[in-house]
Amino acid sequence: LVRLVAGDQLEEAPTAAGSPATGP
């Protein structure tokens, strides 16, 4: 939680690391 709020990178998942994507 602290890493997320602070903007630190979360640990990588085996396939896709931590997150969504927003398009234009």
PDBML (XML) file of the C-alpha atoms, coordinates in Angstrom:
<?xml version="1.0" encoding="UTF-8" ?>
<PDBx:datablock datablockName="MODEL"
   xmlns:PDBx="http://pdbml.pdb.org/schema/pdbx-v50.xsd"
   xmlns:xsi="http://www.w3.org/2001/XMLSchema-instance"
   xsi:schemaLocation="http://pdbml.pdb.org/schema/pdbx-v50.xsd pdbx-v50.xsd">
   <PDBx:atom_siteCategory>
      <PDBx:atom_site id="1">
         <PDBx:B_iso_or_equiv>0.00</PDBx:B_iso_or_equiv>
         <PDBx:Cartn_x>0.000</PDBx:Cartn_x>
         <PDBx:Cartn_y>0.000</PDBx:Cartn_y>
         <PDBx:Cartn_z>0.000</PDBx:Cartn_z>
         <PDBx:auth_asym_id>A</PDBx:auth_asym_id>
         <PDBx:auth_atom_id>CA</PDBx:auth_atom_id>
         <PDBx:auth_comp_id>LEU</PDBx:auth_comp_id>
         <PDBx:auth_seq_id>1</PDBx:auth_seq_id>
         <PDBx:group_PDB>ATOM</PDBx:group_PDB>
         <PDBx:label_alt_id xsi:nil="true" />
         <PDBx:label_asym_id>A</PDBx:label_asym_id>
         <PDBx:label_atom_id>CA</PDBx:label_atom_id>
         <PDBx:label_comp_id>LEU</PDBx:label_comp_id>
         <PDBx:label_entity_id>1</PDBx:label_entity_id>
         <PDBx:label_seq_id>1</PDBx:label_seq_id>
         <PDBx:occupancy>1.00</PDBx:occupancy>
         <PDBx:pdbx_PDB_model_num>1</PDBx:pdbx_PDB_model_num>
         <PDBx:type_symbol>C</PDBx:type_symbol>
      </PDBx:atom_site>
      <PDBx:atom_site id="2">
         <PDBx:B_iso_or_equiv>0.00</PDBx:B_iso_or_equiv>
         <PDBx:Cartn_x>2.747</PDBx:Cartn_x>
         <PDBx:Cartn_y>2.454</PDBx:Cartn_y>
         <PDBx:Cartn_z>0.949</PDBx:Cartn_z>
         <PDBx:auth_asym_id>A</PDBx:auth_asym_id>
         <PDBx:auth_atom_id>CA</PDBx:auth_atom_id>
         <PDBx:auth_comp_id>VAL</PDBx:auth_comp_id>
         <PDBx:auth_seq_id>2</PDBx:auth_seq_id>
         <PDBx:group_PDB>ATOM</PDBx:group_PDB>
         <PDBx:label_alt_id xsi:nil="true" />
         <PDBx:label_asym_id>A</PDBx:label_asym_id>
         <PDBx:label_atom_id>CA</PDBx:label_atom_id>
         <PDBx:label_comp_id>VAL</PDBx:label_comp_id>
         <PDBx:label_entity_id>1</PDBx:label_entity_id>
         <PDBx:label_seq_id>2</PDBx:label_seq_id>
         <PDBx:occupancy>1.00</PDBx:occupancy>
         <PDBx:pdbx_PDB_model_num>1</PDBx:pdbx_PDB_model_num>
         <PDBx:type_symbol>C</PDBx:type_symbol>
      </PDBx:atom_site>
      <PDBx:atom_site id="3">
         <PDBx:B_iso_or_equiv>0.00</PDBx:B_iso_or_equiv>
         <PDBx:Cartn_x>4.668</PDBx:Cartn_x>
         <PDBx:Cartn_y>1.680</PDBx:Cartn_y>
         <PDBx:Cartn_z>-2.239</PDBx:Cartn_z>
         <PDBx:auth_asym_id>A</PDBx:auth_asym_id>
         <PDBx:auth_atom_id>CA</PDBx:auth_atom_id>
         <PDBx:auth_comp_id>ARG</PDBx:auth_comp_id>
         <PDBx:auth_seq_id>3</PDBx:auth_seq_id>
         <PDBx:group_PDB>ATOM</PDBx:group_PDB>
         <PDBx:label_alt_id xsi:nil="true" />
         <PDBx:label_asym_id>A</PDBx:label_asym_id>
         <PDBx:label_atom_id>CA</PDBx:label_atom_id>
         <PDBx:label_comp_id>ARG</PDBx:label_comp_id>
         <PDBx:label_entity_id>1</PDBx:label_entity_id>
         <PDBx:label_seq_id>3</PDBx:label_seq_id>
         <PDBx:occupancy>1.00</PDBx:occupancy>
         <PDBx:pdbx_PDB_model_num>1</PDBx:pdbx_PDB_model_num>
         <PDBx:type_symbol>C</PDBx:type_symbol>
      </PDBx:atom_site>
      <PDBx:atom_site id="4">
         <PDBx:B_iso_or_equiv>0.00</PDBx:B_iso_or_equiv>
         <PDBx:Cartn_x>1.571</PDBx:Cartn_x>
         <PDBx:Cartn_y>2.226</PDBx:Cartn_y>
         <PDBx:Cartn_z>-4.360</PDBx:Cartn_z>
         <PDBx:auth_asym_id>A</PDBx:auth_asym_id>
         <PDBx:auth_atom_id>CA</PDBx:auth_atom_id>
         <PDBx:auth_comp_id>LEU</PDBx:auth_comp_id>
         <PDBx:auth_seq_id>4</PDBx:auth_seq_id>
         <PDBx:group_PDB>ATOM</PDBx:group_PDB>
         <PDBx:label_alt_id xsi:nil="true" />
         <PDBx:label_asym_id>A</PDBx:label_asym_id>
         <PDBx:label_atom_id>CA</PDBx:label_atom_id>
         <PDBx:label_comp_id>LEU</PDBx:label_comp_id>
         <PDBx:label_entity_id>1</PDBx:label_entity_id>
         <PDBx:label_seq_id>4</PDBx:label_seq_id>
         <PDBx:occupancy>1.00</PDBx:occupancy>
         <PDBx:pdbx_PDB_model_num>1</PDBx:pdbx_PDB_model_num>
         <PDBx:type_symbol>C</PDBx:type_symbol>
      </PDBx:atom_site>
      <PDBx:atom_site id="5">
         <PDBx:B_iso_or_equiv>0.00</PDBx:B_iso_or_equiv>
         <PDBx:Cartn_x>0.717</PDBx:Cartn_x>
         <PDBx:Cartn_y>5.579</PDBx:Cartn_y>
         <PDBx:Cartn_z>-2.798</PDBx:Cartn_z>
         <PDBx:auth_asym_id>A</PDBx:auth_asym_id>
         <PDBx:auth_atom_id>CA</PDBx:auth_atom_id>
         <PDBx:auth_comp_id>VAL</PDBx:auth_comp_id>
         <PDBx:auth_seq_id>5</PDBx:auth_seq_id>
         <PDBx:group_PDB>ATOM</PDBx:group_PDB>
         <PDBx:label_alt_id xsi:nil="true" />
         <PDBx:label_asym_id>A</PDBx:label_asym_id>
         <PDBx:label_atom_id>CA</PDBx:label_atom_id>
         <PDBx:label_comp_id>VAL</PDBx:label_comp_id>
         <PDBx:label_entity_id>1</PDBx:label_entity_id>
         <PDBx:label_seq_id>5</PDBx:label_seq_id>
         <PDBx:occupancy>1.00</PDBx:occupancy>
         <PDBx:pdbx_PDB_model_num>1</PDBx:pdbx_PDB_model_num>
         <PDBx:type_symbol>C</PDBx:type_symbol>
      </PDBx:atom_site>
      <PDBx:atom_site id="6">
         <PDBx:B_iso_or_equiv>0.00</PDBx:B_iso_or_equiv>
         <PDBx:Cartn_x>4.348</PDBx:Cartn_x>
         <PDBx:Cartn_y>6.735</PDBx:Cartn_y>
         <PDBx:Cartn_z>-2.834</PDBx:Cartn_z>
         <PDBx:auth_asym_id>A</PDBx:auth_asym_id>
         <PDBx:auth_atom_id>CA</PDBx:auth_atom_id>
         <PDBx:auth_comp_id>ALA</PDBx:auth_comp_id>
         <PDBx:auth_seq_id>6</PDBx:auth_seq_id>
         <PDBx:group_PDB>ATOM</PDBx:group_PDB>
         <PDBx:label_alt_id xsi:nil="true" />
         <PDBx:label_asym_id>A</PDBx:label_asym_id>
         <PDBx:label_atom_id>CA</PDBx:label_atom_id>
         <PDBx:label_comp_id>ALA</PDBx:label_comp_id>
         <PDBx:label_entity_id>1</PDBx:label_entity_id>
         <PDBx:label_seq_id>6</PDBx:label_seq_id>
         <PDBx:occupancy>1.00</PDBx:occupancy>
         <PDBx:pdbx_PDB_model_num>1</PDBx:pdbx_PDB_model_num>
         <PDBx:type_symbol>C</PDBx:type_symbol>
      </PDBx:atom_site>
      <PDBx:atom_site id="7">
         <PDBx:B_iso_or_equiv>0.00</PDBx:B_iso_or_equiv>
         <PDBx:Cartn_x>4.773</PDBx:Cartn_x>
         <PDBx:Cartn_y>5.796</PDBx:Cartn_y>
         <PDBx:Cartn_z>-6.481</PDBx:Cartn_z>
         <PDBx:auth_asym_id>A</PDBx:auth_asym_id>
         <PDBx:auth_atom_id>CA</PDBx:auth_atom_id>
         <PDBx:auth_comp_id>GLY</PDBx:auth_comp_id>
         <PDBx:auth_seq_id>7</PDBx:auth_seq_id>
         <PDBx:group_PDB>ATOM</PDBx:group_PDB>
         <PDBx:label_alt_id xsi:nil="true" />
         <PDBx:label_asym_id>A</PDBx:label_asym_id>
         <PDBx:label_atom_id>CA</PDBx:label_atom_id>
         <PDBx:label_comp_id>GLY</PDBx:label_comp_id>
         <PDBx:label_entity_id>1</PDBx:label_entity_id>
         <PDBx:label_seq_id>7</PDBx:label_seq_id>
         <PDBx:occupancy>1.00</PDBx:occupancy>
         <PDBx:pdbx_PDB_model_num>1</PDBx:pdbx_PDB_model_num>
         <PDBx:type_symbol>C</PDBx:type_symbol>
      </PDBx:atom_site>
      <PDBx:atom_site id="8">
         <PDBx:B_iso_or_equiv>0.00</PDBx:B_iso_or_equiv>
         <PDBx:Cartn_x>7.374</PDBx:Cartn_x>
         <PDBx:Cartn_y>3.090</PDBx:Cartn_y>
         <PDBx:Cartn_z>-5.898</PDBx:Cartn_z>
         <PDBx:auth_asym_id>A</PDBx:auth_asym_id>
         <PDBx:auth_atom_id>CA</PDBx:auth_atom_id>
         <PDBx:auth_comp_id>ASP</PDBx:auth_comp_id>
         <PDBx:auth_seq_id>8</PDBx:auth_seq_id>
         <PDBx:group_PDB>ATOM</PDBx:group_PDB>
         <PDBx:label_alt_id xsi:nil="true" />
         <PDBx:label_asym_id>A</PDBx:label_asym_id>
         <PDBx:label_atom_id>CA</PDBx:label_atom_id>
         <PDBx:label_comp_id>ASP</PDBx:label_comp_id>
         <PDBx:label_entity_id>1</PDBx:label_entity_id>
         <PDBx:label_seq_id>8</PDBx:label_seq_id>
         <PDBx:occupancy>1.00</PDBx:occupancy>
         <PDBx:pdbx_PDB_model_num>1</PDBx:pdbx_PDB_model_num>
         <PDBx:type_symbol>C</PDBx:type_symbol>
      </PDBx:atom_site>
      <PDBx:atom_site id="9">
         <PDBx:B_iso_or_equiv>0.00</PDBx:B_iso_or_equiv>
         <PDBx:Cartn_x>7.354</PDBx:Cartn_x>
         <PDBx:Cartn_y>0.177</PDBx:Cartn_y>
         <PDBx:Cartn_z>-8.332</PDBx:Cartn_z>
         <PDBx:auth_asym_id>A</PDBx:auth_asym_id>
         <PDBx:auth_atom_id>CA</PDBx:auth_atom_id>
         <PDBx:auth_comp_id>GLN</PDBx:auth_comp_id>
         <PDBx:auth_seq_id>9</PDBx:auth_seq_id>
         <PDBx:group_PDB>ATOM</PDBx:group_PDB>
         <PDBx:label_alt_id xsi:nil="true" />
         <PDBx:label_asym_id>A</PDBx:label_asym_id>
         <PDBx:label_atom_id>CA</PDBx:label_atom_id>
         <PDBx:label_comp_id>GLN</PDBx:label_comp_id>
         <PDBx:label_entity_id>1</PDBx:label_entity_id>
         <PDBx:label_seq_id>9</PDBx:label_seq_id>
         <PDBx:occupancy>1.00</PDBx:occupancy>
         <PDBx:pdbx_PDB_model_num>1</PDBx:pdbx_PDB_model_num>
         <PDBx:type_symbol>C</PDBx:type_symbol>
      </PDBx:atom_site>
      <PDBx:atom_site id="10">
         <PDBx:B_iso_or_equiv>0.00</PDBx:B_iso_or_equiv>
         <PDBx:Cartn_x>5.387</PDBx:Cartn_x>
         <PDBx:Cartn_y>-2.853</PDBx:Cartn_y>
         <PDBx:Cartn_z>-7.210</PDBx:Cartn_z>
         <PDBx:auth_asym_id>A</PDBx:auth_asym_id>
         <PDBx:auth_atom_id>CA</PDBx:auth_atom_id>
         <PDBx:auth_comp_id>LEU</PDBx:auth_comp_id>
         <PDBx:auth_seq_id>10</PDBx:auth_seq_id>
         <PDBx:group_PDB>ATOM</PDBx:group_PDB>
         <PDBx:label_alt_id xsi:nil="true" />
         <PDBx:label_asym_id>A</PDBx:label_asym_id>
         <PDBx:label_atom_id>CA</PDBx:label_atom_id>
         <PDBx:label_comp_id>LEU</PDBx:label_comp_id>
         <PDBx:label_entity_id>1</PDBx:label_entity_id>
         <PDBx:label_seq_id>10</PDBx:label_seq_id>
         <PDBx:occupancy>1.00</PDBx:occupancy>
         <PDBx:pdbx_PDB_model_num>1</PDBx:pdbx_PDB_model_num>
         <PDBx:type_symbol>C</PDBx:type_symbol>
      </PDBx:atom_site>
      <PDBx:atom_site id="11">
         <PDBx:B_iso_or_equiv>0.00</PDBx:B_iso_or_equiv>
         <PDBx:Cartn_x>6.918</PDBx:Cartn_x>
         <PDBx:Cartn_y>-6.287</PDBx:Cartn_y>
         <PDBx:Cartn_z>-7.637</PDBx:Cartn_z>
         <PDBx:auth_asym_id>A</PDBx:auth_asym_id>
         <PDBx:auth_atom_id>CA</PDBx:auth_atom_id>
         <PDBx:auth_comp_id>GLU</PDBx:auth_comp_id>
         <PDBx:auth_seq_id>11</PDBx:auth_seq_id>
         <PDBx:group_PDB>ATOM</PDBx:group_PDB>
         <PDBx:label_alt_id xsi:nil="true" />
         <PDBx:label_asym_id>A</PDBx:label_asym_id>
         <PDBx:label_atom_id>CA</PDBx:label_atom_id>
         <PDBx:label_comp_id>GLU</PDBx:label_comp_id>
         <PDBx:label_entity_id>1</PDBx:label_entity_id>
         <PDBx:label_seq_id>11</PDBx:label_seq_id>
         <PDBx:occupancy>1.00</PDBx:occupancy>
         <PDBx:pdbx_PDB_model_num>1</PDBx:pdbx_PDB_model_num>
         <PDBx:type_symbol>C</PDBx:type_symbol>
      </PDBx:atom_site>
      <PDBx:atom_site id="12">
         <PDBx:B_iso_or_equiv>0.00</PDBx:B_iso_or_equiv>
         <PDBx:Cartn_x>6.718</PDBx:Cartn_x>
         <PDBx:Cartn_y>-7.667</PDBx:Cartn_y>
         <PDBx:Cartn_z>-11.143</PDBx:Cartn_z>
         <PDBx:auth_asym_id>A</PDBx:auth_asym_id>
         <PDBx:auth_atom_id>CA</PDBx:auth_atom_id>
         <PDBx:auth_comp_id>GLU</PDBx:auth_comp_id>
         <PDBx:auth_seq_id>12</PDBx:auth_seq_id>
         <PDBx:group_PDB>ATOM</PDBx:group_PDB>
         <PDBx:label_alt_id xsi:nil="true" />
         <PDBx:label_asym_id>A</PDBx:label_asym_id>
         <PDBx:label_atom_id>CA</PDBx:label_atom_id>
         <PDBx:label_comp_id>GLU</PDBx:label_comp_id>
         <PDBx:label_entity_id>1</PDBx:label_entity_id>
         <PDBx:label_seq_id>12</PDBx:label_seq_id>
         <PDBx:occupancy>1.00</PDBx:occupancy>
         <PDBx:pdbx_PDB_model_num>1</PDBx:pdbx_PDB_model_num>
         <PDBx:type_symbol>C</PDBx:type_symbol>
      </PDBx:atom_site>
      <PDBx:atom_site id="13">
         <PDBx:B_iso_or_equiv>0.00</PDBx:B_iso_or_equiv>
         <PDBx:Cartn_x>4.172</PDBx:Cartn_x>
         <PDBx:Cartn_y>-10.355</PDBx:Cartn_y>
         <PDBx:Cartn_z>-11.949</PDBx:Cartn_z>
         <PDBx:auth_asym_id>A</PDBx:auth_asym_id>
         <PDBx:auth_atom_id>CA</PDBx:auth_atom_id>
         <PDBx:auth_comp_id>ALA</PDBx:auth_comp_id>
         <PDBx:auth_seq_id>13</PDBx:auth_seq_id>
         <PDBx:group_PDB>ATOM</PDBx:group_PDB>
         <PDBx:label_alt_id xsi:nil="true" />
         <PDBx:label_asym_id>A</PDBx:label_asym_id>
         <PDBx:label_atom_id>CA</PDBx:label_atom_id>
         <PDBx:label_comp_id>ALA</PDBx:label_comp_id>
         <PDBx:label_entity_id>1</PDBx:label_entity_id>
         <PDBx:label_seq_id>13</PDBx:label_seq_id>
         <PDBx:occupancy>1.00</PDBx:occupancy>
         <PDBx:pdbx_PDB_model_num>1</PDBx:pdbx_PDB_model_num>
         <PDBx:type_symbol>C</PDBx:type_symbol>
      </PDBx:atom_site>
      <PDBx:atom_site id="14">
         <PDBx:B_iso_or_equiv>0.00</PDBx:B_iso_or_equiv>
         <PDBx:Cartn_x>5.471</PDBx:Cartn_x>
         <PDBx:Cartn_y>-13.365</PDBx:Cartn_y>
         <PDBx:Cartn_z>-13.892</PDBx:Cartn_z>
         <PDBx:auth_asym_id>A</PDBx:auth_asym_id>
         <PDBx:auth_atom_id>CA</PDBx:auth_atom_id>
         <PDBx:auth_comp_id>PRO</PDBx:auth_comp_id>
         <PDBx:auth_seq_id>14</PDBx:auth_seq_id>
         <PDBx:group_PDB>ATOM</PDBx:group_PDB>
         <PDBx:label_alt_id xsi:nil="true" />
         <PDBx:label_asym_id>A</PDBx:label_asym_id>
         <PDBx:label_atom_id>CA</PDBx:label_atom_id>
         <PDBx:label_comp_id>PRO</PDBx:label_comp_id>
         <PDBx:label_entity_id>1</PDBx:label_entity_id>
         <PDBx:label_seq_id>14</PDBx:label_seq_id>
         <PDBx:occupancy>1.00</PDBx:occupancy>
         <PDBx:pdbx_PDB_model_num>1</PDBx:pdbx_PDB_model_num>
         <PDBx:type_symbol>C</PDBx:type_symbol>
      </PDBx:atom_site>
      <PDBx:atom_site id="15">
         <PDBx:B_iso_or_equiv>0.00</PDBx:B_iso_or_equiv>
         <PDBx:Cartn_x>3.715</PDBx:Cartn_x>
         <PDBx:Cartn_y>-12.239</PDBx:Cartn_y>
         <PDBx:Cartn_z>-17.068</PDBx:Cartn_z>
         <PDBx:auth_asym_id>A</PDBx:auth_asym_id>
         <PDBx:auth_atom_id>CA</PDBx:auth_atom_id>
         <PDBx:auth_comp_id>THR</PDBx:auth_comp_id>
         <PDBx:auth_seq_id>15</PDBx:auth_seq_id>
         <PDBx:group_PDB>ATOM</PDBx:group_PDB>
         <PDBx:label_alt_id xsi:nil="true" />
         <PDBx:label_asym_id>A</PDBx:label_asym_id>
         <PDBx:label_atom_id>CA</PDBx:label_atom_id>
         <PDBx:label_comp_id>THR</PDBx:label_comp_id>
         <PDBx:label_entity_id>1</PDBx:label_entity_id>
         <PDBx:label_seq_id>15</PDBx:label_seq_id>
         <PDBx:occupancy>1.00</PDBx:occupancy>
         <PDBx:pdbx_PDB_model_num>1</PDBx:pdbx_PDB_model_num>
         <PDBx:type_symbol>C</PDBx:type_symbol>
      </PDBx:atom_site>
      <PDBx:atom_site id="16">
         <PDBx:B_iso_or_equiv>0.00</PDBx:B_iso_or_equiv>
         <PDBx:Cartn_x>2.486</PDBx:Cartn_x>
         <PDBx:Cartn_y>-8.674</PDBx:Cartn_y>
         <PDBx:Cartn_z>-16.816</PDBx:Cartn_z>
         <PDBx:auth_asym_id>A</PDBx:auth_asym_id>
         <PDBx:auth_atom_id>CA</PDBx:auth_atom_id>
         <PDBx:auth_comp_id>ALA</PDBx:auth_comp_id>
         <PDBx:auth_seq_id>16</PDBx:auth_seq_id>
         <PDBx:group_PDB>ATOM</PDBx:group_PDB>
         <PDBx:label_alt_id xsi:nil="true" />
         <PDBx:label_asym_id>A</PDBx:label_asym_id>
         <PDBx:label_atom_id>CA</PDBx:label_atom_id>
         <PDBx:label_comp_id>ALA</PDBx:label_comp_id>
         <PDBx:label_entity_id>1</PDBx:label_entity_id>
         <PDBx:label_seq_id>16</PDBx:label_seq_id>
         <PDBx:occupancy>1.00</PDBx:occupancy>
         <PDBx:pdbx_PDB_model_num>1</PDBx:pdbx_PDB_model_num>
         <PDBx:type_symbol>C</PDBx:type_symbol>
      </PDBx:atom_site>
      <PDBx:atom_site id="17">
         <PDBx:B_iso_or_equiv>0.00</PDBx:B_iso_or_equiv>
         <PDBx:Cartn_x>3.622</PDBx:Cartn_x>
         <PDBx:Cartn_y>-6.307</PDBx:Cartn_y>
         <PDBx:Cartn_z>-14.159</PDBx:Cartn_z>
         <PDBx:auth_asym_id>A</PDBx:auth_asym_id>
         <PDBx:auth_atom_id>CA</PDBx:auth_atom_id>
         <PDBx:auth_comp_id>ALA</PDBx:auth_comp_id>
         <PDBx:auth_seq_id>17</PDBx:auth_seq_id>
         <PDBx:group_PDB>ATOM</PDBx:group_PDB>
         <PDBx:label_alt_id xsi:nil="true" />
         <PDBx:label_asym_id>A</PDBx:label_asym_id>
         <PDBx:label_atom_id>CA</PDBx:label_atom_id>
         <PDBx:label_comp_id>ALA</PDBx:label_comp_id>
         <PDBx:label_entity_id>1</PDBx:label_entity_id>
         <PDBx:label_seq_id>17</PDBx:label_seq_id>
         <PDBx:occupancy>1.00</PDBx:occupancy>
         <PDBx:pdbx_PDB_model_num>1</PDBx:pdbx_PDB_model_num>
         <PDBx:type_symbol>C</PDBx:type_symbol>
      </PDBx:atom_site>
      <PDBx:atom_site id="18">
         <PDBx:B_iso_or_equiv>0.00</PDBx:B_iso_or_equiv>
         <PDBx:Cartn_x>1.375</PDBx:Cartn_x>
         <PDBx:Cartn_y>-4.370</PDBx:Cartn_y>
         <PDBx:Cartn_z>-12.052</PDBx:Cartn_z>
         <PDBx:auth_asym_id>A</PDBx:auth_asym_id>
         <PDBx:auth_atom_id>CA</PDBx:auth_atom_id>
         <PDBx:auth_comp_id>GLY</PDBx:auth_comp_id>
         <PDBx:auth_seq_id>18</PDBx:auth_seq_id>
         <PDBx:group_PDB>ATOM</PDBx:group_PDB>
         <PDBx:label_alt_id xsi:nil="true" />
         <PDBx:label_asym_id>A</PDBx:label_asym_id>
         <PDBx:label_atom_id>CA</PDBx:label_atom_id>
         <PDBx:label_comp_id>GLY</PDBx:label_comp_id>
         <PDBx:label_entity_id>1</PDBx:label_entity_id>
         <PDBx:label_seq_id>18</PDBx:label_seq_id>
         <PDBx:occupancy>1.00</PDBx:occupancy>
         <PDBx:pdbx_PDB_model_num>1</PDBx:pdbx_PDB_model_num>
         <PDBx:type_symbol>C</PDBx:type_symbol>
      </PDBx:atom_site>
      <PDBx:atom_site id="19">
         <PDBx:B_iso_or_equiv>0.00</PDBx:B_iso_or_equiv>
         <PDBx:Cartn_x>-1.176</PDBx:Cartn_x>
         <PDBx:Cartn_y>-2.452</PDBx:Cartn_y>
         <PDBx:Cartn_z>-14.094</PDBx:Cartn_z>
         <PDBx:auth_asym_id>A</PDBx:auth_asym_id>
         <PDBx:auth_atom_id>CA</PDBx:auth_atom_id>
         <PDBx:auth_comp_id>SER</PDBx:auth_comp_id>
         <PDBx:auth_seq_id>19</PDBx:auth_seq_id>
         <PDBx:group_PDB>ATOM</PDBx:group_PDB>
         <PDBx:label_alt_id xsi:nil="true" />
         <PDBx:label_asym_id>A</PDBx:label_asym_id>
         <PDBx:label_atom_id>CA</PDBx:label_atom_id>
         <PDBx:label_comp_id>SER</PDBx:label_comp_id>
         <PDBx:label_entity_id>1</PDBx:label_entity_id>
         <PDBx:label_seq_id>19</PDBx:label_seq_id>
         <PDBx:occupancy>1.00</PDBx:occupancy>
         <PDBx:pdbx_PDB_model_num>1</PDBx:pdbx_PDB_model_num>
         <PDBx:type_symbol>C</PDBx:type_symbol>
      </PDBx:atom_site>
      <PDBx:atom_site id="20">
         <PDBx:B_iso_or_equiv>0.00</PDBx:B_iso_or_equiv>
         <PDBx:Cartn_x>-3.721</PDBx:Cartn_x>
         <PDBx:Cartn_y>-1.119</PDBx:Cartn_y>
         <PDBx:Cartn_z>-16.533</PDBx:Cartn_z>
         <PDBx:auth_asym_id>A</PDBx:auth_asym_id>
         <PDBx:auth_atom_id>CA</PDBx:auth_atom_id>
         <PDBx:auth_comp_id>PRO</PDBx:auth_comp_id>
         <PDBx:auth_seq_id>20</PDBx:auth_seq_id>
         <PDBx:group_PDB>ATOM</PDBx:group_PDB>
         <PDBx:label_alt_id xsi:nil="true" />
         <PDBx:label_asym_id>A</PDBx:label_asym_id>
         <PDBx:label_atom_id>CA</PDBx:label_atom_id>
         <PDBx:label_comp_id>PRO</PDBx:label_comp_id>
         <PDBx:label_entity_id>1</PDBx:label_entity_id>
         <PDBx:label_seq_id>20</PDBx:label_seq_id>
         <PDBx:occupancy>1.00</PDBx:occupancy>
         <PDBx:pdbx_PDB_model_num>1</PDBx:pdbx_PDB_model_num>
         <PDBx:type_symbol>C</PDBx:type_symbol>
      </PDBx:atom_site>
      <PDBx:atom_site id="21">
         <PDBx:B_iso_or_equiv>0.00</PDBx:B_iso_or_equiv>
         <PDBx:Cartn_x>-3.273</PDBx:Cartn_x>
         <PDBx:Cartn_y>0.926</PDBx:Cartn_y>
         <PDBx:Cartn_z>-19.463</PDBx:Cartn_z>
         <PDBx:auth_asym_id>A</PDBx:auth_asym_id>
         <PDBx:auth_atom_id>CA</PDBx:auth_atom_id>
         <PDBx:auth_comp_id>ALA</PDBx:auth_comp_id>
         <PDBx:auth_seq_id>21</PDBx:auth_seq_id>
         <PDBx:group_PDB>ATOM</PDBx:group_PDB>
         <PDBx:label_alt_id xsi:nil="true" />
         <PDBx:label_asym_id>A</PDBx:label_asym_id>
         <PDBx:label_atom_id>CA</PDBx:label_atom_id>
         <PDBx:label_comp_id>ALA</PDBx:label_comp_id>
         <PDBx:label_entity_id>1</PDBx:label_entity_id>
         <PDBx:label_seq_id>21</PDBx:label_seq_id>
         <PDBx:occupancy>1.00</PDBx:occupancy>
         <PDBx:pdbx_PDB_model_num>1</PDBx:pdbx_PDB_model_num>
         <PDBx:type_symbol>C</PDBx:type_symbol>
      </PDBx:atom_site>
      <PDBx:atom_site id="22">
         <PDBx:B_iso_or_equiv>0.00</PDBx:B_iso_or_equiv>
         <PDBx:Cartn_x>-5.016</PDBx:Cartn_x>
         <PDBx:Cartn_y>4.040</PDBx:Cartn_y>
         <PDBx:Cartn_z>-20.597</PDBx:Cartn_z>
         <PDBx:auth_asym_id>A</PDBx:auth_asym_id>
         <PDBx:auth_atom_id>CA</PDBx:auth_atom_id>
         <PDBx:auth_comp_id>THR</PDBx:auth_comp_id>
         <PDBx:auth_seq_id>22</PDBx:auth_seq_id>
         <PDBx:group_PDB>ATOM</PDBx:group_PDB>
         <PDBx:label_alt_id xsi:nil="true" />
         <PDBx:label_asym_id>A</PDBx:label_asym_id>
         <PDBx:label_atom_id>CA</PDBx:label_atom_id>
         <PDBx:label_comp_id>THR</PDBx:label_comp_id>
         <PDBx:label_entity_id>1</PDBx:label_entity_id>
         <PDBx:label_seq_id>22</PDBx:label_seq_id>
         <PDBx:occupancy>1.00</PDBx:occupancy>
         <PDBx:pdbx_PDB_model_num>1</PDBx:pdbx_PDB_model_num>
         <PDBx:type_symbol>C</PDBx:type_symbol>
      </PDBx:atom_site>
      <PDBx:atom_site id="23">
         <PDBx:B_iso_or_equiv>0.00</PDBx:B_iso_or_equiv>
         <PDBx:Cartn_x>-5.162</PDBx:Cartn_x>
         <PDBx:Cartn_y>4.931</PDBx:Cartn_y>
         <PDBx:Cartn_z>-24.239</PDBx:Cartn_z>
         <PDBx:auth_asym_id>A</PDBx:auth_asym_id>
         <PDBx:auth_atom_id>CA</PDBx:auth_atom_id>
         <PDBx:auth_comp_id>GLY</PDBx:auth_comp_id>
         <PDBx:auth_seq_id>23</PDBx:auth_seq_id>
         <PDBx:group_PDB>ATOM</PDBx:group_PDB>
         <PDBx:label_alt_id xsi:nil="true" />
         <PDBx:label_asym_id>A</PDBx:label_asym_id>
         <PDBx:label_atom_id>CA</PDBx:label_atom_id>
         <PDBx:label_comp_id>GLY</PDBx:label_comp_id>
         <PDBx:label_entity_id>1</PDBx:label_entity_id>
         <PDBx:label_seq_id>23</PDBx:label_seq_id>
         <PDBx:occupancy>1.00</PDBx:occupancy>
         <PDBx:pdbx_PDB_model_num>1</PDBx:pdbx_PDB_model_num>
         <PDBx:type_symbol>C</PDBx:type_symbol>
      </PDBx:atom_site>
      <PDBx:atom_site id="24">
         <PDBx:B_iso_or_equiv>0.00</PDBx:B_iso_or_equiv>
         <PDBx:Cartn_x>-5.432</PDBx:Cartn_x>
         <PDBx:Cartn_y>8.309</PDBx:Cartn_y>
         <PDBx:Cartn_z>-25.885</PDBx:Cartn_z>
         <PDBx:auth_asym_id>A</PDBx:auth_asym_id>
         <PDBx:auth_atom_id>CA</PDBx:auth_atom_id>
         <PDBx:auth_comp_id>PRO</PDBx:auth_comp_id>
         <PDBx:auth_seq_id>24</PDBx:auth_seq_id>
         <PDBx:group_PDB>ATOM</PDBx:group_PDB>
         <PDBx:label_alt_id xsi:nil="true" />
         <PDBx:label_asym_id>A</PDBx:label_asym_id>
         <PDBx:label_atom_id>CA</PDBx:label_atom_id>
         <PDBx:label_comp_id>PRO</PDBx:label_comp_id>
         <PDBx:label_entity_id>1</PDBx:label_entity_id>
         <PDBx:label_seq_id>24</PDBx:label_seq_id>
         <PDBx:occupancy>1.00</PDBx:occupancy>
         <PDBx:pdbx_PDB_model_num>1</PDBx:pdbx_PDB_model_num>
         <PDBx:type_symbol>C</PDBx:type_symbol>
      </PDBx:atom_site>
   </PDBx:atom_siteCategory>
</PDBx:datablock>
